[in-house]
């Protein structure tokens, strides 16, 4: 024989979680205790969440960079690219 043992306990839960559980009980027509039991049971049967795979960044080739530009100086590169774009737009106006 299987006997369900009911144990009385006190839980401290977040206000928004309490309200969501209370709303669910109201919408479903179930008691608050039933909703708590079902929610906990569903969480326990789902088991632990698998850890997401680690994000790995693969380096890309920067072979298309203009000769003479030092890649270790990112601000200089940004300035050079911005200057080239301004010059291109000025050429289009002519």
PDB file of N, CA and C in Angstrom:
ATOM      1  N   UNK A   1       0.817  -1.172   0.000  1.00  0.00           N
ATOM      2  CA  UNK A   1       0.000   0.000   0.000  1.00  0.00           C
ATOM      3  C   UNK A   1       0.869   1.246   0.000  1.00  0.00           C
ATOM      4  N   UNK A   2       0.373   2.301  -0.673  1.00  0.00           N
ATOM      5  CA  UNK A   2       1.089   3.559  -0.728  1.00  0.00           C
ATOM      6  C   UNK A   2       0.270   4.614   0.003  1.00  0.00           C
ATOM      7  N   UNK A   3       0.846   5.187   0.993  1.00  0.00           N
ATOM      8  CA  UNK A   3       0.165   6.228   1.760  1.00  0.00           C
ATOM      9  C   UNK A   3       0.807   7.568   1.441  1.00  0.00           C
ATOM     10  N   UNK A   4      -0.037   8.541   1.099  1.00  0.00           N
ATOM     11  CA  UNK A   4       0.466   9.897   0.913  1.00  0.00           C
ATOM     12  C   UNK A   4       0.594  10.544   2.275  1.00  0.00           C
ATOM     13  N   UNK A   5       1.753  11.055   2.540  1.00  0.00           N
ATOM     14  CA  UNK A   5       1.981  11.745   3.803  1.00  0.00           C
ATOM     15  C   UNK A   5       1.895  13.238   3.518  1.00  0.00           C
ATOM     16  N   UNK A   6       1.056  13.917   4.243  1.00  0.00           N
ATOM     17  CA  UNK A   6       0.907  15.351   4.076  1.00  0.00           C
ATOM     18  C   UNK A   6       1.689  16.030   5.185  1.00  0.00           C
ATOM     19  N   UNK A   7       2.606  16.887   4.771  1.00  0.00           N
ATOM     20  CA  UNK A   7       3.420  17.592   5.748  1.00  0.00           C
ATOM     21  C   UNK A   7       3.129  19.079   5.636  1.00  0.00           C
ATOM     22  N   UNK A   8       2.899  19.691   6.718  1.00  0.00           N
ATOM     23  CA  UNK A   8       2.632  21.123   6.753  1.00  0.00           C
ATOM     24  C   UNK A   8       3.971  21.837   6.902  1.00  0.00           C
ATOM     25  N   UNK A   9       4.164  22.864   6.080  1.00  0.00           N
ATOM     26  CA  UNK A   9       5.419  23.624   6.150  1.00  0.00           C
ATOM     27  C   UNK A   9       5.158  25.067   5.769  1.00  0.00           C
ATOM     28  N   UNK A  10       6.096  25.908   5.993  1.00  0.00           N
ATOM     29  CA  UNK A  10       5.991  27.318   5.639  1.00  0.00           C
ATOM     30  C   UNK A  10       7.012  27.619   4.547  1.00  0.00           C
ATOM     31  N   UNK A  11       6.538  28.266   3.492  1.00  0.00           N
ATOM     32  CA  UNK A  11       7.421  28.675   2.400  1.00  0.00           C
ATOM     33  C   UNK A  11       7.466  30.186   2.333  1.00  0.00           C
ATOM     34  N   UNK A  12       8.612  30.711   2.053  1.00  0.00           N
ATOM     35  CA  UNK A  12       8.739  32.138   1.783  1.00  0.00           C
ATOM     36  C   UNK A  12       9.027  32.270   0.304  1.00  0.00           C
ATOM     37  N   UNK A  13       8.069  32.868  -0.428  1.00  0.00           N
ATOM     38  CA  UNK A  13       8.246  33.001  -1.882  1.00  0.00           C
ATOM     39  C   UNK A  13       8.080  34.460  -2.284  1.00  0.00           C
ATOM     40  N   UNK A  14       8.616  34.778  -3.417  1.00  0.00           N
ATOM     41  CA  UNK A  14       8.542  36.117  -3.981  1.00  0.00           C
ATOM     42  C   UNK A  14       7.086  36.533  -4.185  1.00  0.00           C
ATOM     43  N   UNK A  15       6.795  37.812  -3.966  1.00  0.00           N
ATOM     44  CA  UNK A  15       5.420  38.318  -4.092  1.00  0.00           C
ATOM     45  C   UNK A  15       4.838  38.074  -5.484  1.00  0.00           C
ATOM     46  N   UNK A  16       5.643  38.308  -6.524  1.00  0.00           N
ATOM     47  CA  UNK A  16       5.123  38.128  -7.885  1.00  0.00           C
ATOM     48  C   UNK A  16       4.844  36.654  -8.175  1.00  0.00           C
ATOM     49  N   UNK A  17       5.656  35.763  -7.620  1.00  0.00           N
ATOM     50  CA  UNK A  17       5.420  34.333  -7.787  1.00  0.00           C
ATOM     51  C   UNK A  17       4.158  33.906  -7.043  1.00  0.00           C
ATOM     52  N   UNK A  18       3.989  34.437  -5.839  1.00  0.00           N
ATOM     53  CA  UNK A  18       2.784  34.149  -5.062  1.00  0.00           C
ATOM     54  C   UNK A  18       1.533  34.571  -5.835  1.00  0.00           C
ATOM     55  N   UNK A  19       1.584  35.779  -6.399  1.00  0.00           N
ATOM     56  CA  UNK A  19       0.426  36.291  -7.136  1.00  0.00           C
ATOM     57  C   UNK A  19       0.144  35.441  -8.372  1.00  0.00           C
ATOM     58  N   UNK A  20       1.188  35.023  -9.080  1.00  0.00           N
ATOM     59  CA  UNK A  20       1.006  34.190 -10.273  1.00  0.00           C
ATOM     60  C   UNK A  20       0.380  32.847  -9.907  1.00  0.00           C
ATOM     61  N   UNK A  21       0.826  32.250  -8.805  1.00  0.00           N
ATOM     62  CA  UNK A  21       0.262  30.974  -8.353  1.00  0.00           C
ATOM     63  C   UNK A  21      -1.186  31.147  -7.895  1.00  0.00           C
ATOM     64  N   UNK A  22      -1.460  32.237  -7.215  1.00  0.00           N
ATOM     65  CA  UNK A  22      -2.812  32.527  -6.749  1.00  0.00           C
ATOM     66  C   UNK A  22      -3.748  32.730  -7.944  1.00  0.00           C
ATOM     67  N   UNK A  23      -3.286  33.463  -8.963  1.00  0.00           N
ATOM     68  CA  UNK A  23      -4.082  33.673 -10.176  1.00  0.00           C
ATOM     69  C   UNK A  23      -4.343  32.355 -10.899  1.00  0.00           C
ATOM     70  N   UNK A  24      -3.314  31.504 -10.966  1.00  0.00           N
ATOM     71  CA  UNK A  24      -3.469  30.199 -11.610  1.00  0.00           C
ATOM     72  C   UNK A  24      -4.505  29.351 -10.867  1.00  0.00           C
ATOM     73  N   UNK A  25      -4.461  29.384  -9.558  1.00  0.00           N
ATOM     74  CA  UNK A  25      -5.440  28.631  -8.760  1.00  0.00           C
ATOM     75  C   UNK A  25      -6.850  29.149  -9.044  1.00  0.00           C
ATOM     76  N   UNK A  26      -7.000  30.450  -9.122  1.00  0.00           N
ATOM     77  CA  UNK A  26      -8.315  31.034  -9.382  1.00  0.00           C
ATOM     78  C   UNK A  26      -8.824  30.653 -10.773  1.00  0.00           C
ATOM     79  N   UNK A  27      -7.954  30.788 -11.788  1.00  0.00           N
ATOM     80  CA  UNK A  27      -8.357  30.467 -13.165  1.00  0.00           C
ATOM     81  C   UNK A  27      -8.692  28.992 -13.350  1.00  0.00           C
ATOM     82  N   UNK A  28      -7.943  28.134 -12.671  1.00  0.00           N
ATOM     83  CA  UNK A  28      -8.140  26.695 -12.855  1.00  0.00           C
ATOM     84  C   UNK A  28      -9.229  26.124 -11.941  1.00  0.00           C
ATOM     85  N   UNK A  29      -9.655  26.896 -10.958  1.00  0.00           N
ATOM     86  CA  UNK A  29     -10.662  26.404 -10.024  1.00  0.00           C
ATOM     87  C   UNK A  29     -10.088  25.414  -9.021  1.00  0.00           C
ATOM     88  N   UNK A  30      -8.776  25.381  -8.902  1.00  0.00           N
ATOM     89  CA  UNK A  30      -8.124  24.469  -7.955  1.00  0.00           C
ATOM     90  C   UNK A  30      -7.732  25.250  -6.710  1.00  0.00           C
ATOM     91  N   UNK A  31      -7.456  24.500  -5.661  1.00  0.00           N
ATOM     92  CA  UNK A  31      -7.003  25.157  -4.437  1.00  0.00           C
ATOM     93  C   UNK A  31      -5.551  25.605  -4.614  1.00  0.00           C
ATOM     94  N   UNK A  32      -5.169  26.583  -3.802  1.00  0.00           N
ATOM     95  CA  UNK A  32      -3.792  27.068  -3.847  1.00  0.00           C
ATOM     96  C   UNK A  32      -2.817  25.929  -3.570  1.00  0.00           C
ATOM     97  N   UNK A  33      -3.155  25.086  -2.614  1.00  0.00           N
ATOM     98  CA  UNK A  33      -2.296  23.956  -2.275  1.00  0.00           C
ATOM     99  C   UNK A  33      -2.123  22.998  -3.459  1.00  0.00           C
ATOM    100  N   UNK A  34      -3.242  22.740  -4.185  1.00  0.00           N
ATOM    101  CA  UNK A  34      -3.148  21.859  -5.353  1.00  0.00           C
ATOM    102  C   UNK A  34      -2.218  22.450  -6.422  1.00  0.00           C
ATOM    103  N   UNK A  35      -2.340  23.753  -6.633  1.00  0.00           N
ATOM    104  CA  UNK A  35      -1.491  24.411  -7.634  1.00  0.00           C
ATOM    105  C   UNK A  35      -0.030  24.349  -7.213  1.00  0.00           C
ATOM    106  N   UNK A  36       0.249  24.585  -5.937  1.00  0.00           N
ATOM    107  CA  UNK A  36       1.626  24.488  -5.429  1.00  0.00           C
ATOM    108  C   UNK A  36       2.161  23.074  -5.630  1.00  0.00           C
ATOM    109  N   UNK A  37       1.375  22.066  -5.249  1.00  0.00           N
ATOM    110  CA  UNK A  37       1.795  20.668  -5.387  1.00  0.00           C
ATOM    111  C   UNK A  37       2.086  20.322  -6.845  1.00  0.00           C
ATOM    112  N   UNK A  38       1.170  20.695  -7.743  1.00  0.00           N
ATOM    113  CA  UNK A  38       1.350  20.380  -9.166  1.00  0.00           C
ATOM    114  C   UNK A  38       2.570  21.085  -9.748  1.00  0.00           C
ATOM    115  N   UNK A  39       2.762  22.337  -9.356  1.00  0.00           N
ATOM    116  CA  UNK A  39       3.890  23.103  -9.868  1.00  0.00           C
ATOM    117  C   UNK A  39       5.216  22.517  -9.394  1.00  0.00           C
ATOM    118  N   UNK A  40       5.281  22.198  -8.122  1.00  0.00           N
ATOM    119  CA  UNK A  40       6.509  21.585  -7.598  1.00  0.00           C
ATOM    120  C   UNK A  40       6.764  20.219  -8.230  1.00  0.00           C
ATOM    121  N   UNK A  41       5.704  19.416  -8.371  1.00  0.00           N
ATOM    122  CA  UNK A  41       5.839  18.090  -8.968  1.00  0.00           C
ATOM    123  C   UNK A  41       6.336  18.190 -10.419  1.00  0.00           C
ATOM    124  N   UNK A  42       5.777  19.144 -11.174  1.00  0.00           N
ATOM    125  CA  UNK A  42       6.194  19.327 -12.571  1.00  0.00           C
ATOM    126  C   UNK A  42       7.662  19.742 -12.642  1.00  0.00           C
ATOM    127  N   UNK A  43       8.073  20.624 -11.733  1.00  0.00           N
ATOM    128  CA  UNK A  43       9.469  21.051 -11.718  1.00  0.00           C
ATOM    129  C   UNK A  43      10.414  19.928 -11.357  1.00  0.00           C
ATOM    130  N   UNK A  44       9.993  19.068 -10.430  1.00  0.00           N
ATOM    131  CA  UNK A  44      10.858  17.958 -10.016  1.00  0.00           C
ATOM    132  C   UNK A  44      10.958  16.878 -11.087  1.00  0.00           C
ATOM    133  N   UNK A  45       9.871  16.634 -11.805  1.00  0.00           N
ATOM    134  CA  UNK A  45       9.919  15.582 -12.830  1.00  0.00           C
ATOM    135  C   UNK A  45      10.674  16.049 -14.069  1.00  0.00           C
ATOM    136  N   UNK A  46      10.727  17.369 -14.279  1.00  0.00           N
ATOM    137  CA  UNK A  46      11.466  17.887 -15.433  1.00  0.00           C
ATOM    138  C   UNK A  46      12.959  17.685 -15.242  1.00  0.00           C
ATOM    139  N   UNK A  47      13.411  17.708 -14.013  1.00  0.00           N
ATOM    140  CA  UNK A  47      14.819  17.495 -13.727  1.00  0.00           C
ATOM    141  C   UNK A  47      15.619  18.771 -13.918  1.00  0.00           C
ATOM    142  N   UNK A  48      16.908  18.663 -13.665  1.00  0.00           N
ATOM    143  CA  UNK A  48      17.748  19.855 -13.791  1.00  0.00           C
ATOM    144  C   UNK A  48      17.883  20.271 -15.256  1.00  0.00           C
ATOM    145  N   UNK A  49      17.985  21.560 -15.461  1.00  0.00           N
ATOM    146  CA  UNK A  49      18.159  22.072 -16.823  1.00  0.00           C
ATOM    147  C   UNK A  49      19.573  21.798 -17.290  1.00  0.00           C
ATOM    148  N   UNK A  50      19.721  21.381 -18.546  1.00  0.00           N
ATOM    149  CA  UNK A  50      21.078  21.162 -19.042  1.00  0.00           C
ATOM    150  C   UNK A  50      21.808  22.497 -19.168  1.00  0.00           C
ATOM    151  N   UNK A  51      23.087  22.462 -18.919  1.00  0.00           N
ATOM    152  CA  UNK A  51      23.884  23.675 -19.041  1.00  0.00           C
ATOM    153  C   UNK A  51      24.031  24.022 -20.515  1.00  0.00           C
ATOM    154  N   UNK A  52      23.876  25.279 -20.868  1.00  0.00           N
ATOM    155  CA  UNK A  52      24.036  25.655 -22.271  1.00  0.00           C
ATOM    156  C   UNK A  52      25.484  25.463 -22.708  1.00  0.00           C
ATOM    157  N   UNK A  53      25.639  25.181 -23.989  1.00  0.00           N
ATOM    158  CA  UNK A  53      26.989  24.991 -24.525  1.00  0.00           C
ATOM    159  C   UNK A  53      27.765  26.298 -24.399  1.00  0.00           C
ATOM    160  N   UNK A  54      29.044  26.181 -24.155  1.00  0.00           N
ATOM    161  CA  UNK A  54      29.877  27.375 -24.052  1.00  0.00           C
ATOM    162  C   UNK A  54      29.991  28.037 -25.412  1.00  0.00           C
ATOM    163  N   UNK A  55      29.932  29.335 -25.410  1.00  0.00           N
ATOM    164  CA  UNK A  55      30.053  30.098 -26.642  1.00  0.00           C
ATOM    165  C   UNK A  55      31.516  30.178 -27.023  1.00  0.00           C
ATOM    166  N   UNK A  56      31.797  29.803 -28.245  1.00  0.00           N
ATOM    167  CA  UNK A  56      33.169  29.865 -28.725  1.00  0.00           C
ATOM    168  C   UNK A  56      33.207  30.736 -29.976  1.00  0.00           C
ATOM    169  N   UNK A  57      34.099  31.683 -29.973  1.00  0.00           N
ATOM    170  CA  UNK A  57      34.251  32.589 -31.092  1.00  0.00           C
ATOM    171  C   UNK A  57      35.408  32.113 -31.951  1.00  0.00           C
ATOM    172  N   UNK A  58      35.130  31.907 -33.237  1.00  0.00           N
ATOM    173  CA  UNK A  58      36.179  31.483 -34.150  1.00  0.00           C
ATOM    174  C   UNK A  58      36.809  32.727 -34.774  1.00  0.00           C
ATOM    175  N   UNK A  59      38.123  32.825 -34.749  1.00  0.00           N
ATOM    176  CA  UNK A  59      38.768  34.005 -35.325  1.00  0.00           C
ATOM    177  C   UNK A  59      38.549  34.074 -36.838  1.00  0.00           C
ATOM    178  N   UNK A  60      38.413  35.287 -37.332  1.00  0.00           N
ATOM    179  CA  UNK A  60      38.219  35.491 -38.763  1.00  0.00           C
ATOM    180  C   UNK A  60      39.475  36.106 -39.357  1.00  0.00           C
ATOM    181  N   UNK A  61      39.704  35.827 -40.623  1.00  0.00           N
ATOM    182  CA  UNK A  61      40.850  36.384 -41.327  1.00  0.00           C
ATOM    183  C   UNK A  61      40.593  37.856 -41.631  1.00  0.00           C
ATOM    184  N   UNK A  62      41.583  38.689 -41.414  1.00  0.00           N
ATOM    185  CA  UNK A  62      41.467  40.108 -41.722  1.00  0.00           C
ATOM    186  C   UNK A  62      42.325  40.452 -42.942  1.00  0.00           C
ATOM    187  N   UNK A  63      42.366  39.540 -43.885  1.00  0.00           N
ATOM    188  CA  UNK A  63      43.214  39.716 -45.069  1.00  0.00           C
ATOM    189  C   UNK A  63      42.808  40.877 -45.948  1.00  0.00           C
ATOM    190  N   UNK A  64      41.588  41.410 -45.805  1.00  0.00           N
ATOM    191  CA  UNK A  64      41.130  42.468 -46.691  1.00  0.00           C
ATOM    192  C   UNK A  64      41.440  43.873 -46.197  1.00  0.00           C
ATOM    193  N   UNK A  65      42.301  44.026 -45.221  1.00  0.00           N
ATOM    194  CA  UNK A  65      42.620  45.336 -44.674  1.00  0.00           C
ATOM    195  C   UNK A  65      43.624  46.038 -45.581  1.00  0.00           C
ATOM    196  N   UNK A  66      43.483  47.365 -45.666  1.00  0.00           N
ATOM    197  CA  UNK A  66      44.391  48.155 -46.510  1.00  0.00           C
ATOM    198  C   UNK A  66      45.828  48.007 -46.042  1.00  0.00           C
ATOM    199  N   UNK A  67      46.759  47.893 -46.966  1.00  0.00           N
ATOM    200  CA  UNK A  67      48.173  47.792 -46.583  1.00  0.00           C
ATOM    201  C   UNK A  67      48.621  49.052 -45.849  1.00  0.00           C
ATOM    202  N   UNK A  68      49.478  48.896 -44.877  1.00  0.00           N
ATOM    203  CA  UNK A  68      50.000  50.030 -44.144  1.00  0.00           C
ATOM    204  C   UNK A  68      49.183  50.424 -42.924  1.00  0.00           C
ATOM    205  N   UNK A  69      48.030  49.786 -42.695  1.00  0.00           N
ATOM    206  CA  UNK A  69      47.204  50.095 -41.531  1.00  0.00           C
ATOM    207  C   UNK A  69      47.584  49.139 -40.412  1.00  0.00           C
ATOM    208  N   UNK A  70      47.952  49.694 -39.278  1.00  0.00           N
ATOM    209  CA  UNK A  70      48.357  48.884 -38.128  1.00  0.00           C
ATOM    210  C   UNK A  70      47.105  48.421 -37.378  1.00  0.00           C
ATOM    211  N   UNK A  71      46.833  47.113 -37.387  1.00  0.00           N
ATOM    212  CA  UNK A  71      45.611  46.590 -36.770  1.00  0.00           C
ATOM    213  C   UNK A  71      45.613  46.668 -35.250  1.00  0.00           C
ATOM    214  N   UNK A  72      46.747  46.900 -34.659  1.00  0.00           N
ATOM    215  CA  UNK A  72      46.775  46.996 -33.195  1.00  0.00           C
ATOM    216  C   UNK A  72      46.271  48.343 -32.715  1.00  0.00           C
ATOM    217  N   UNK A  73      46.069  49.240 -33.612  1.00  0.00           N
ATOM    218  CA  UNK A  73      45.578  50.574 -33.242  1.00  0.00           C
ATOM    219  C   UNK A  73      44.178  50.742 -33.803  1.00  0.00           C
ATOM    220  N   UNK A  74      43.199  50.258 -33.059  1.00  0.00           N
ATOM    221  CA  UNK A  74      41.816  50.218 -33.534  1.00  0.00           C
ATOM    222  C   UNK A  74      41.260  51.611 -33.818  1.00  0.00           C
ATOM    223  N   UNK A  75      41.585  52.589 -32.991  1.00  0.00           N
ATOM    224  CA  UNK A  75      41.064  53.930 -33.221  1.00  0.00           C
ATOM    225  C   UNK A  75      41.638  54.531 -34.495  1.00  0.00           C
ATOM    226  N   UNK A  76      42.899  54.269 -34.737  1.00  0.00           N
ATOM    227  CA  UNK A  76      43.514  54.765 -35.976  1.00  0.00           C
ATOM    228  C   UNK A  76      42.828  54.120 -37.179  1.00  0.00           C
ATOM    229  N   UNK A  77      42.542  52.846 -37.101  1.00  0.00           N
ATOM    230  CA  UNK A  77      41.850  52.148 -38.178  1.00  0.00           C
ATOM    231  C   UNK A  77      40.456  52.736 -38.383  1.00  0.00           C
ATOM    232  N   UNK A  78      39.744  52.991 -37.294  1.00  0.00           N
ATOM    233  CA  UNK A  78      38.402  53.565 -37.403  1.00  0.00           C
ATOM    234  C   UNK A  78      38.455  54.948 -38.044  1.00  0.00           C
ATOM    235  N   UNK A  79      39.427  55.764 -37.650  1.00  0.00           N
ATOM    236  CA  UNK A  79      39.589  57.095 -38.240  1.00  0.00           C
ATOM    237  C   UNK A  79      39.895  57.004 -39.728  1.00  0.00           C
ATOM    238  N   UNK A  80      40.772  56.090 -40.098  1.00  0.00           N
ATOM    239  CA  UNK A  80      41.136  55.925 -41.504  1.00  0.00           C
ATOM    240  C   UNK A  80      39.926  55.508 -42.330  1.00  0.00           C
ATOM    241  N   UNK A  81      39.160  54.548 -41.819  1.00  0.00           N
ATOM    242  CA  UNK A  81      37.964  54.097 -42.541  1.00  0.00           C
ATOM    243  C   UNK A  81      36.925  55.214 -42.651  1.00  0.00           C
ATOM    244  N   UNK A  82      36.775  55.991 -41.577  1.00  0.00           N
ATOM    245  CA  UNK A  82      35.837  57.103 -41.612  1.00  0.00           C
ATOM    246  C   UNK A  82      36.270  58.158 -42.623  1.00  0.00           C
ATOM    247  N   UNK A  83      37.576  58.467 -42.660  1.00  0.00           N
ATOM    248  CA  UNK A  83      38.107  59.430 -43.630  1.00  0.00           C
ATOM    249  C   UNK A  83      37.876  58.954 -45.056  1.00  0.00           C
ATOM    250  N   UNK A  84      38.092  57.672 -45.303  1.00  0.00           N
ATOM    251  CA  UNK A  84      37.885  57.121 -46.645  1.00  0.00           C
ATOM    252  C   UNK A  84      36.416  57.230 -47.049  1.00  0.00           C
ATOM    253  N   UNK A  85      35.501  57.003 -46.115  1.00  0.00           N
ATOM    254  CA  UNK A  85      34.076  57.090 -46.411  1.00  0.00           C
ATOM    255  C   UNK A  85      33.657  58.531 -46.690  1.00  0.00           C
ATOM    256  N   UNK A  86      34.179  59.466 -45.925  1.00  0.00           N
ATOM    257  CA  UNK A  86      33.881  60.885 -46.164  1.00  0.00           C
ATOM    258  C   UNK A  86      34.389  61.303 -47.533  1.00  0.00           C
ATOM    259  N   UNK A  87      35.603  60.888 -47.867  1.00  0.00           N
ATOM    260  CA  UNK A  87      36.177  61.215 -49.176  1.00  0.00           C
ATOM    261  C   UNK A  87      35.340  60.622 -50.298  1.00  0.00           C
ATOM    262  N   UNK A  88      34.853  59.398 -50.107  1.00  0.00           N
ATOM    263  CA  UNK A  88      34.014  58.743 -51.131  1.00  0.00           C
ATOM    264  C   UNK A  88      32.722  59.518 -51.345  1.00  0.00           C
ATOM    265  N   UNK A  89      32.091  59.963 -50.246  1.00  0.00           N
ATOM    266  CA  UNK A  89      30.847  60.723 -50.369  1.00  0.00           C
ATOM    267  C   UNK A  89      31.075  62.076 -51.025  1.00  0.00           C
ATOM    268  N   UNK A  90      32.199  62.699 -50.714  1.00  0.00           N
ATOM    269  CA  UNK A  90      32.502  63.988 -51.349  1.00  0.00           C
ATOM    270  C   UNK A  90      32.736  63.812 -52.843  1.00  0.00           C
ATOM    271  N   UNK A  91      33.343  62.712 -53.225  1.00  0.00           N
ATOM    272  CA  UNK A  91      33.579  62.423 -54.655  1.00  0.00           C
ATOM    273  C   UNK A  91      32.262  62.225 -55.392  1.00  0.00           C
ATOM    274  N   UNK A  92      31.285  61.630 -54.730  1.00  0.00           N
ATOM    275  CA  UNK A  92      29.978  61.373 -55.369  1.00  0.00           C
ATOM    276  C   UNK A  92      29.210  62.674 -55.611  1.00  0.00           C
ATOM    277  N   UNK A  93      29.466  63.708 -54.832  1.00  0.00           N
ATOM    278  CA  UNK A  93      28.763  64.978 -54.990  1.00  0.00           C
ATOM    279  C   UNK A  93      29.183  65.718 -56.260  1.00  0.00           C
ATOM    280  N   UNK A  94      30.358  65.444 -56.768  1.00  0.00           N
ATOM    281  CA  UNK A  94      30.874  66.174 -57.929  1.00  0.00           C
ATOM    282  C   UNK A  94      30.173  65.802 -59.185  1.00  0.00           C
TER     283      UNK A  94
END
